[in-house]
Amino acid sequence: MSASGTDPEALVVAYLSQLLLLQQTEGFLAREIRAHPVGDPPTAIVASVAGETFDPGRHSAGTEVKAVTLHGLEVDLARGRARVIVDI
């Protein structure tokens, strides 16, 4: 799985949106992600994702995430962290 953006913030939204689309269309739940940023600052990412399909007998359903947004997004490259607000 890969994604790109014009800057680190757009990259975070693009990548998380791809994961959300995978969940919405295939019921895939990510369990482990190994991500490798590309660029300085990163504007692309290449990642491997492991997980499984949602099974109502094993997984509880919570609030549905409808979209990942740039609203309130904060990316701290020095600490390798991001704060993301999603639309529900």
PDB file of N, CA and C in Angstrom:
ATOM      1  N   MET A   1       0.854  -1.161   0.000  1.00  0.00           N
ATOM      2  CA  MET A   1       0.000   0.000   0.000  1.00  0.00           C
ATOM      3  C   MET A   1       0.902   1.227   0.000  1.00  0.00           C
ATOM      4  N   SER A   2       0.512   2.232  -0.781  1.00  0.00           N
ATOM      5  CA  SER A   2       1.298   3.455  -0.823  1.00  0.00           C
ATOM      6  C   SER A   2       0.366   4.642  -0.954  1.00  0.00           C
ATOM      7  N   ALA A   3       0.883   5.813  -0.618  1.00  0.00           N
ATOM      8  CA  ALA A   3       0.125   7.055  -0.737  1.00  0.00           C
ATOM      9  C   ALA A   3       1.112   8.186  -0.913  1.00  0.00           C
ATOM     10  N   SER A   4       0.613   9.302  -1.427  1.00  0.00           N
ATOM     11  CA  SER A   4       1.454  10.490  -1.552  1.00  0.00           C
ATOM     12  C   SER A   4       0.610  11.728  -1.298  1.00  0.00           C
ATOM     13  N   GLY A   5       1.296  12.815  -0.985  1.00  0.00           N
ATOM     14  CA  GLY A   5       0.630  14.088  -0.743  1.00  0.00           C
ATOM     15  C   GLY A   5       1.587  15.223  -1.027  1.00  0.00           C
ATOM     16  N   THR A   6       1.074  16.401  -1.097  1.00  0.00           N
ATOM     17  CA  THR A   6       1.910  17.567  -1.396  1.00  0.00           C
ATOM     18  C   THR A   6       2.768  17.985  -0.212  1.00  0.00           C
ATOM     19  N   ASP A   7       2.391  17.565   0.969  1.00  0.00           N
ATOM     20  CA  ASP A   7       3.127  17.857   2.198  1.00  0.00           C
ATOM     21  C   ASP A   7       2.791  16.759   3.213  1.00  0.00           C
ATOM     22  N   PRO A   8       3.468  16.744   4.373  1.00  0.00           N
ATOM     23  CA  PRO A   8       3.206  15.678   5.351  1.00  0.00           C
ATOM     24  C   PRO A   8       1.743  15.602   5.802  1.00  0.00           C
ATOM     25  N   GLU A   9       1.076  16.743   5.933  1.00  0.00           N
ATOM     26  CA  GLU A   9      -0.318  16.734   6.367  1.00  0.00           C
ATOM     27  C   GLU A   9      -1.212  16.064   5.317  1.00  0.00           C
ATOM     28  N   ALA A  10      -1.039  16.439   4.066  1.00  0.00           N
ATOM     29  CA  ALA A  10      -1.831  15.823   2.992  1.00  0.00           C
ATOM     30  C   ALA A  10      -1.510  14.333   2.875  1.00  0.00           C
ATOM     31  N   LEU A  11      -0.270  13.963   3.142  1.00  0.00           N
ATOM     32  CA  LEU A  11       0.134  12.556   3.109  1.00  0.00           C
ATOM     33  C   LEU A  11      -0.598  11.753   4.175  1.00  0.00           C
ATOM     34  N   VAL A  12      -0.684  12.279   5.387  1.00  0.00           N
ATOM     35  CA  VAL A  12      -1.392  11.581   6.470  1.00  0.00           C
ATOM     36  C   VAL A  12      -2.849  11.355   6.084  1.00  0.00           C
ATOM     37  N   VAL A  13      -3.496  12.391   5.566  1.00  0.00           N
ATOM     38  CA  VAL A  13      -4.902  12.256   5.174  1.00  0.00           C
ATOM     39  C   VAL A  13      -5.056  11.247   4.044  1.00  0.00           C
ATOM     40  N   ALA A  14      -4.179  11.298   3.050  1.00  0.00           N
ATOM     41  CA  ALA A  14      -4.263  10.375   1.917  1.00  0.00           C
ATOM     42  C   ALA A  14      -4.093   8.932   2.368  1.00  0.00           C
ATOM     43  N   TYR A  15      -3.106   8.663   3.226  1.00  0.00           N
ATOM     44  CA  TYR A  15      -2.856   7.294   3.665  1.00  0.00           C
ATOM     45  C   TYR A  15      -4.000   6.764   4.531  1.00  0.00           C
ATOM     46  N   LEU A  16      -4.426   7.559   5.504  1.00  0.00           N
ATOM     47  CA  LEU A  16      -5.522   7.108   6.365  1.00  0.00           C
ATOM     48  C   LEU A  16      -6.816   6.952   5.578  1.00  0.00           C
ATOM     49  N   SER A  17      -7.023   7.773   4.575  1.00  0.00           N
ATOM     50  CA  SER A  17      -8.214   7.642   3.726  1.00  0.00           C
ATOM     51  C   SER A  17      -8.181   6.331   2.953  1.00  0.00           C
ATOM     52  N   GLN A  18      -7.013   5.902   2.507  1.00  0.00           N
ATOM     53  CA  GLN A  18      -6.900   4.613   1.823  1.00  0.00           C
ATOM     54  C   GLN A  18      -7.235   3.466   2.775  1.00  0.00           C
ATOM     55  N   LEU A  19      -6.732   3.549   4.011  1.00  0.00           N
ATOM     56  CA  LEU A  19      -7.063   2.508   4.994  1.00  0.00           C
ATOM     57  C   LEU A  19      -8.558   2.491   5.282  1.00  0.00           C
ATOM     58  N   LEU A  20      -9.162   3.664   5.388  1.00  0.00           N
ATOM     59  CA  LEU A  20     -10.601   3.749   5.640  1.00  0.00           C
ATOM     60  C   LEU A  20     -11.389   3.153   4.476  1.00  0.00           C
ATOM     61  N   LEU A  21     -10.980   3.448   3.252  1.00  0.00           N
ATOM     62  CA  LEU A  21     -11.654   2.897   2.080  1.00  0.00           C
ATOM     63  C   LEU A  21     -11.566   1.367   2.062  1.00  0.00           C
ATOM     64  N   LEU A  22     -10.420   0.847   2.433  1.00  0.00           N
ATOM     65  CA  LEU A  22     -10.243  -0.603   2.503  1.00  0.00           C
ATOM     66  C   LEU A  22     -11.199  -1.217   3.523  1.00  0.00           C
ATOM     67  N   GLN A  23     -11.369  -0.542   4.642  1.00  0.00           N
ATOM     68  CA  GLN A  23     -12.292  -1.034   5.668  1.00  0.00           C
ATOM     69  C   GLN A  23     -13.732  -0.950   5.180  1.00  0.00           C
ATOM     70  N   GLN A  24     -14.082   0.156   4.536  1.00  0.00           N
ATOM     71  CA  GLN A  24     -15.464   0.355   4.100  1.00  0.00           C
ATOM     72  C   GLN A  24     -15.860  -0.560   2.947  1.00  0.00           C
ATOM     73  N   THR A  25     -14.941  -0.851   2.046  1.00  0.00           N
ATOM     74  CA  THR A  25     -15.289  -1.643   0.864  1.00  0.00           C
ATOM     75  C   THR A  25     -15.076  -3.136   1.050  1.00  0.00           C
ATOM     76  N   GLU A  26     -14.087  -3.504   1.867  1.00  0.00           N
ATOM     77  CA  GLU A  26     -13.767  -4.925   2.025  1.00  0.00           C
ATOM     78  C   GLU A  26     -13.916  -5.430   3.457  1.00  0.00           C
ATOM     79  N   GLY A  27     -14.258  -4.539   4.383  1.00  0.00           N
ATOM     80  CA  GLY A  27     -14.385  -4.939   5.778  1.00  0.00           C
ATOM     81  C   GLY A  27     -13.053  -5.264   6.418  1.00  0.00           C
ATOM     82  N   PHE A  28     -11.962  -4.775   5.838  1.00  0.00           N
ATOM     83  CA  PHE A  28     -10.620  -5.104   6.324  1.00  0.00           C
ATOM     84  C   PHE A  28     -10.268  -4.270   7.545  1.00  0.00           C
ATOM     85  N   LEU A  29      -9.796  -4.931   8.588  1.00  0.00           N
ATOM     86  CA  LEU A  29      -9.333  -4.277   9.808  1.00  0.00           C
ATOM     87  C   LEU A  29      -7.822  -4.411   9.897  1.00  0.00           C
ATOM     88  N   ALA A  30      -7.134  -3.297   9.899  1.00  0.00           N
ATOM     89  CA  ALA A  30      -5.671  -3.309   9.995  1.00  0.00           C
ATOM     90  C   ALA A  30      -5.265  -3.664  11.420  1.00  0.00           C
ATOM     91  N   ARG A  31      -4.322  -4.566  11.545  1.00  0.00           N
ATOM     92  CA  ARG A  31      -3.802  -4.979  12.844  1.00  0.00           C
ATOM     93  C   ARG A  31      -2.360  -4.525  13.010  1.00  0.00           C
ATOM     94  N   GLU A  32      -1.594  -4.594  11.936  1.00  0.00           N
ATOM     95  CA  GLU A  32      -0.181  -4.226  11.988  1.00  0.00           C
ATOM     96  C   GLU A  32       0.182  -3.467  10.724  1.00  0.00           C
ATOM     97  N   ILE A  33       0.838  -2.329  10.909  1.00  0.00           N
ATOM     98  CA  ILE A  33       1.270  -1.504   9.781  1.00  0.00           C
ATOM     99  C   ILE A  33       2.760  -1.229   9.933  1.00  0.00           C
ATOM    100  N   ARG A  34       3.498  -1.501   8.872  1.00  0.00           N
ATOM    101  CA  ARG A  34       4.928  -1.168   8.818  1.00  0.00           C
ATOM    102  C   ARG A  34       5.090  -0.144   7.711  1.00  0.00           C
ATOM    103  N   ALA A  35       5.248   1.110   8.123  1.00  0.00           N
ATOM    104  CA  ALA A  35       5.276   2.217   7.174  1.00  0.00           C
ATOM    105  C   ALA A  35       6.681   2.772   7.020  1.00  0.00           C
ATOM    106  N   HIS A  36       7.006   3.144   5.782  1.00  0.00           N
ATOM    107  CA  HIS A  36       8.305   3.716   5.462  1.00  0.00           C
ATOM    108  C   HIS A  36       8.089   5.022   4.714  1.00  0.00           C
ATOM    109  N   PRO A  37       8.360   6.168   5.376  1.00  0.00           N
ATOM    110  CA  PRO A  37       8.178   7.454   4.709  1.00  0.00           C
ATOM    111  C   PRO A  37       9.235   7.665   3.628  1.00  0.00           C
ATOM    112  N   VAL A  38       8.854   8.434   2.606  1.00  0.00           N
ATOM    113  CA  VAL A  38       9.751   8.741   1.504  1.00  0.00           C
ATOM    114  C   VAL A  38       9.836  10.260   1.376  1.00  0.00           C
ATOM    115  N   GLY A  39      11.061  10.783   1.386  1.00  0.00           N
ATOM    116  CA  GLY A  39      11.270  12.221   1.234  1.00  0.00           C
ATOM    117  C   GLY A  39      11.578  12.893   2.555  1.00  0.00           C
ATOM    118  N   ASP A  40      12.083  14.108   2.460  1.00  0.00           N
ATOM    119  CA  ASP A  40      12.402  14.896   3.656  1.00  0.00           C
ATOM    120  C   ASP A  40      12.038  16.349   3.404  1.00  0.00           C
ATOM    121  N   PRO A  41      10.896  16.803   3.872  1.00  0.00           N
ATOM    122  CA  PRO A  41       9.900  16.091   4.673  1.00  0.00           C
ATOM    123  C   PRO A  41       9.156  15.063   3.818  1.00  0.00           C
ATOM    124  N   PRO A  42       8.578  14.066   4.478  1.00  0.00           N
ATOM    125  CA  PRO A  42       7.923  12.997   3.722  1.00  0.00           C
ATOM    126  C   PRO A  42       6.698  13.498   2.953  1.00  0.00           C
ATOM    127  N   THR A  43       6.638  13.112   1.681  1.00  0.00           N
ATOM    128  CA  THR A  43       5.474  13.395   0.844  1.00  0.00           C
ATOM    129  C   THR A  43       4.934  12.114   0.210  1.00  0.00           C
ATOM    130  N   ALA A  44       5.509  10.983   0.595  1.00  0.00           N
ATOM    131  CA  ALA A  44       5.028   9.673   0.137  1.00  0.00           C
ATOM    132  C   ALA A  44       5.290   8.656   1.239  1.00  0.00           C
ATOM    133  N   ILE A  45       4.563   7.557   1.153  1.00  0.00           N
ATOM    134  CA  ILE A  45       4.738   6.488   2.132  1.00  0.00           C
ATOM    135  C   ILE A  45       4.499   5.154   1.428  1.00  0.00           C
ATOM    136  N   VAL A  46       5.301   4.181   1.796  1.00  0.00           N
ATOM    137  CA  VAL A  46       5.126   2.807   1.327  1.00  0.00           C
ATOM    138  C   VAL A  46       4.963   1.972   2.594  1.00  0.00           C
ATOM    139  N   ALA A  47       3.924   1.150   2.628  1.00  0.00           N
ATOM    140  CA  ALA A  47       3.636   0.412   3.856  1.00  0.00           C
ATOM    141  C   ALA A  47       3.112  -0.980   3.552  1.00  0.00           C
ATOM    142  N   SER A  48       3.393  -1.885   4.471  1.00  0.00           N
ATOM    143  CA  SER A  48       2.748  -3.192   4.438  1.00  0.00           C
ATOM    144  C   SER A  48       1.719  -3.196   5.563  1.00  0.00           C
ATOM    145  N   VAL A  49       0.573  -3.789   5.268  1.00  0.00           N
ATOM    146  CA  VAL A  49      -0.534  -3.797   6.229  1.00  0.00           C
ATOM    147  C   VAL A  49      -1.000  -5.229   6.410  1.00  0.00           C
ATOM    148  N   ALA A  50      -1.071  -5.666   7.646  1.00  0.00           N
ATOM    149  CA  ALA A  50      -1.582  -7.000   7.965  1.00  0.00           C
ATOM    150  C   ALA A  50      -2.839  -6.831   8.815  1.00  0.00           C
ATOM    151  N   GLY A  51      -3.777  -7.730   8.649  1.00  0.00           N
ATOM    152  CA  GLY A  51      -4.997  -7.660   9.424  1.00  0.00           C
ATOM    153  C   GLY A  51      -5.941  -8.770   9.033  1.00  0.00           C
ATOM    154  N   GLU A  52      -7.227  -8.506   9.183  1.00  0.00           N
ATOM    155  CA  GLU A  52      -8.227  -9.513   8.890  1.00  0.00           C
ATOM    156  C   GLU A  52      -9.550  -8.855   8.547  1.00  0.00           C
ATOM    157  N   THR A  53     -10.462  -9.622   8.012  1.00  0.00           N
ATOM    158  CA  THR A  53     -11.792  -9.131   7.680  1.00  0.00           C
ATOM    159  C   THR A  53     -12.647  -9.051   8.935  1.00  0.00           C
ATOM    160  N   PHE A  54     -13.459  -8.017   9.021  1.00  0.00           N
ATOM    161  CA  PHE A  54     -14.352  -7.837  10.158  1.00  0.00           C
ATOM    162  C   PHE A  54     -15.266  -9.043  10.312  1.00  0.00           C
ATOM    163  N   ASP A  55     -15.346  -9.560  11.536  1.00  0.00           N
ATOM    164  CA  ASP A  55     -16.203 -10.697  11.869  1.00  0.00           C
ATOM    165  C   ASP A  55     -17.036 -10.287  13.076  1.00  0.00           C
ATOM    166  N   PRO A  56     -18.347 -10.088  12.903  1.00  0.00           N
ATOM    167  CA  PRO A  56     -19.170  -9.628  14.020  1.00  0.00           C
ATOM    168  C   PRO A  56     -19.157 -10.568  15.227  1.00  0.00           C
ATOM    169  N   GLY A  57     -18.792 -11.815  15.020  1.00  0.00           N
ATOM    170  CA  GLY A  57     -18.695 -12.761  16.128  1.00  0.00           C
ATOM    171  C   GLY A  57     -17.448 -12.535  16.974  1.00  0.00           C
ATOM    172  N   ARG A  58     -16.452 -11.873  16.399  1.00  0.00           N
ATOM    173  CA  ARG A  58     -15.189 -11.647  17.112  1.00  0.00           C
ATOM    174  C   ARG A  58     -14.885 -10.181  17.383  1.00  0.00           C
ATOM    175  N   HIS A  59     -15.460  -9.293  16.574  1.00  0.00           N
ATOM    176  CA  HIS A  59     -15.164  -7.872  16.696  1.00  0.00           C
ATOM    177  C   HIS A  59     -16.423  -7.096  17.059  1.00  0.00           C
ATOM    178  N   SER A  60     -16.267  -6.080  17.876  1.00  0.00           N
ATOM    179  CA  SER A  60     -17.409  -5.222  18.177  1.00  0.00           C
ATOM    180  C   SER A  60     -17.395  -4.034  17.219  1.00  0.00           C
ATOM    181  N   ALA A  61     -18.582  -3.644  16.786  1.00  0.00           N
ATOM    182  CA  ALA A  61     -18.708  -2.496  15.887  1.00  0.00           C
ATOM    183  C   ALA A  61     -18.901  -1.250  16.735  1.00  0.00           C
ATOM    184  N   GLY A  62     -18.145  -0.222  16.408  1.00  0.00           N
ATOM    185  CA  GLY A  62     -18.261   1.051  17.122  1.00  0.00           C
ATOM    186  C   GLY A  62     -18.860   2.099  16.213  1.00  0.00           C
ATOM    187  N   THR A  63     -18.455   3.323  16.424  1.00  0.00           N
ATOM    188  CA  THR A  63     -18.929   4.436  15.622  1.00  0.00           C
ATOM    189  C   THR A  63     -18.259   4.411  14.249  1.00  0.00           C
ATOM    190  N   GLU A  64     -19.045   4.587  13.208  1.00  0.00           N
ATOM    191  CA  GLU A  64     -18.512   4.552  11.849  1.00  0.00           C
ATOM    192  C   GLU A  64     -17.766   5.841  11.526  1.00  0.00           C
ATOM    193  N   VAL A  65     -16.557   5.700  11.026  1.00  0.00           N
ATOM    194  CA  VAL A  65     -15.782   6.842  10.548  1.00  0.00           C
ATOM    195  C   VAL A  65     -16.165   7.056   9.098  1.00  0.00           C
ATOM    196  N   LYS A  66     -16.564   8.290   8.768  1.00  0.00           N
ATOM    197  CA  LYS A  66     -16.993   8.586   7.395  1.00  0.00           C
ATOM    198  C   LYS A  66     -15.859   9.173   6.554  1.00  0.00           C
ATOM    199  N   ALA A  67     -14.938   9.921   7.184  1.00  0.00           N
ATOM    200  CA  ALA A  67     -13.860  10.541   6.410  1.00  0.00           C
ATOM    201  C   ALA A  67     -12.731  10.994   7.327  1.00  0.00           C
ATOM    202  N   VAL A  68     -11.545  11.090   6.749  1.00  0.00           N
ATOM    203  CA  VAL A  68     -10.373  11.656   7.416  1.00  0.00           C
ATOM    204  C   VAL A  68     -10.236  13.075   6.858  1.00  0.00           C
ATOM    205  N   THR A  69     -10.006  14.057   7.723  1.00  0.00           N
ATOM    206  CA  THR A  69      -9.994  15.443   7.268  1.00  0.00           C
ATOM    207  C   THR A  69      -8.691  16.163   7.630  1.00  0.00           C
ATOM    208  N   LEU A  70      -8.470  17.281   6.974  1.00  0.00           N
ATOM    209  CA  LEU A  70      -7.344  18.164   7.306  1.00  0.00           C
ATOM    210  C   LEU A  70      -7.693  19.059   8.491  1.00  0.00           C
ATOM    211  N   HIS A  71      -8.986  19.156   8.833  1.00  0.00           N
ATOM    212  CA  HIS A  71      -9.425  20.024   9.928  1.00  0.00           C
ATOM    213  C   HIS A  71      -8.763  19.624  11.248  1.00  0.00           C
ATOM    214  N   GLY A  72      -8.036  20.528  11.853  1.00  0.00           N
ATOM    215  CA  GLY A  72      -7.410  20.271  13.147  1.00  0.00           C
ATOM    216  C   GLY A  72      -6.229  19.318  13.096  1.00  0.00           C
ATOM    217  N   LEU A  73      -5.785  18.952  11.911  1.00  0.00           N
ATOM    218  CA  LEU A  73      -4.673  18.005  11.774  1.00  0.00           C
ATOM    219  C   LEU A  73      -3.369  18.635  12.245  1.00  0.00           C
ATOM    220  N   GLU A  74      -2.640  17.903  13.049  1.00  0.00           N
ATOM    221  CA  GLU A  74      -1.326  18.339  13.512  1.00  0.00           C
ATOM    222  C   GLU A  74      -0.336  17.207  13.280  1.00  0.00           C
ATOM    223  N   VAL A  75       0.776  17.509  12.622  1.00  0.00           N
ATOM    224  CA  VAL A  75       1.822  16.524  12.364  1.00  0.00           C
ATOM    225  C   VAL A  75       3.089  17.003  13.047  1.00  0.00           C
ATOM    226  N   ASP A  76       3.668  16.156  13.892  1.00  0.00           N
ATOM    227  CA  ASP A  76       4.919  16.448  14.587  1.00  0.00           C
ATOM    228  C   ASP A  76       5.968  15.470  14.066  1.00  0.00           C
ATOM    229  N   LEU A  77       6.697  15.885  13.037  1.00  0.00           N
ATOM    230  CA  LEU A  77       7.686  15.000  12.418  1.00  0.00           C
ATOM    231  C   LEU A  77       8.812  14.634  13.376  1.00  0.00           C
ATOM    232  N   ALA A  78       9.214  15.560  14.225  1.00  0.00           N
ATOM    233  CA  ALA A  78      10.320  15.304  15.157  1.00  0.00           C
ATOM    234  C   ALA A  78       9.994  14.174  16.123  1.00  0.00           C
ATOM    235  N   ARG A  79       8.741  14.069  16.526  1.00  0.00           N
ATOM    236  CA  ARG A  79       8.333  13.022  17.470  1.00  0.00           C
ATOM    237  C   ARG A  79       7.673  11.836  16.782  1.00  0.00           C
ATOM    238  N   GLY A  80       7.440  11.942  15.475  1.00  0.00           N
ATOM    239  CA  GLY A  80       6.795  10.849  14.742  1.00  0.00           C
ATOM    240  C   GLY A  80       5.357  10.648  15.137  1.00  0.00           C
ATOM    241  N   ARG A  81       4.637  11.774  15.361  1.00  0.00           N
ATOM    242  CA  ARG A  81       3.249  11.692  15.812  1.00  0.00           C
ATOM    243  C   ARG A  81       2.365  12.605  14.985  1.00  0.00           C
ATOM    244  N   ALA A  82       1.086  12.264  14.973  1.00  0.00           N
ATOM    245  CA  ALA A  82       0.088  13.107  14.325  1.00  0.00           C
ATOM    246  C   ALA A  82      -1.183  13.077  15.144  1.00  0.00           C
ATOM    247  N   ARG A  83      -1.917  14.184  15.109  1.00  0.00           N
ATOM    248  CA  ARG A  83      -3.239  14.274  15.736  1.00  0.00           C
ATOM    249  C   ARG A  83      -4.216  14.432  14.588  1.00  0.00           C
ATOM    250  N   VAL A  84      -5.168  13.517  14.497  1.00  0.00           N
ATOM    251  CA  VAL A  84      -6.102  13.482  13.375  1.00  0.00           C
ATOM    252  C   VAL A  84      -7.530  13.530  13.914  1.00  0.00           C
ATOM    253  N   ILE A  85      -8.347  14.377  13.308  1.00  0.00           N
ATOM    254  CA  ILE A  85      -9.761  14.430  13.639  1.00  0.00           C
ATOM    255  C   ILE A  85     -10.507  13.814  12.447  1.00  0.00           C
ATOM    256  N   VAL A  86     -11.401  12.899  12.734  1.00  0.00           N
ATOM    257  CA  VAL A  86     -12.166  12.239  11.672  1.00  0.00           C
ATOM    258  C   VAL A  86     -13.627  12.666  11.734  1.00  0.00           C
ATOM    259  N   ASP A  87     -14.291  12.597  10.578  1.00  0.00           N
ATOM    260  CA  ASP A  87     -15.721  12.843  10.518  1.00  0.00           C
ATOM    261  C   ASP A  87     -16.450  11.545  10.827  1.00  0.00           C
ATOM    262  N   ILE A  88     -17.442  11.642  11.722  1.00  0.00           N
ATOM    263  CA  ILE A  88     -18.245  10.463  12.044  1.00  0.00           C
ATOM    264  C   ILE A  88     -19.693  10.706  11.710  1.00  0.00           C
TER     265      ILE A  88
END
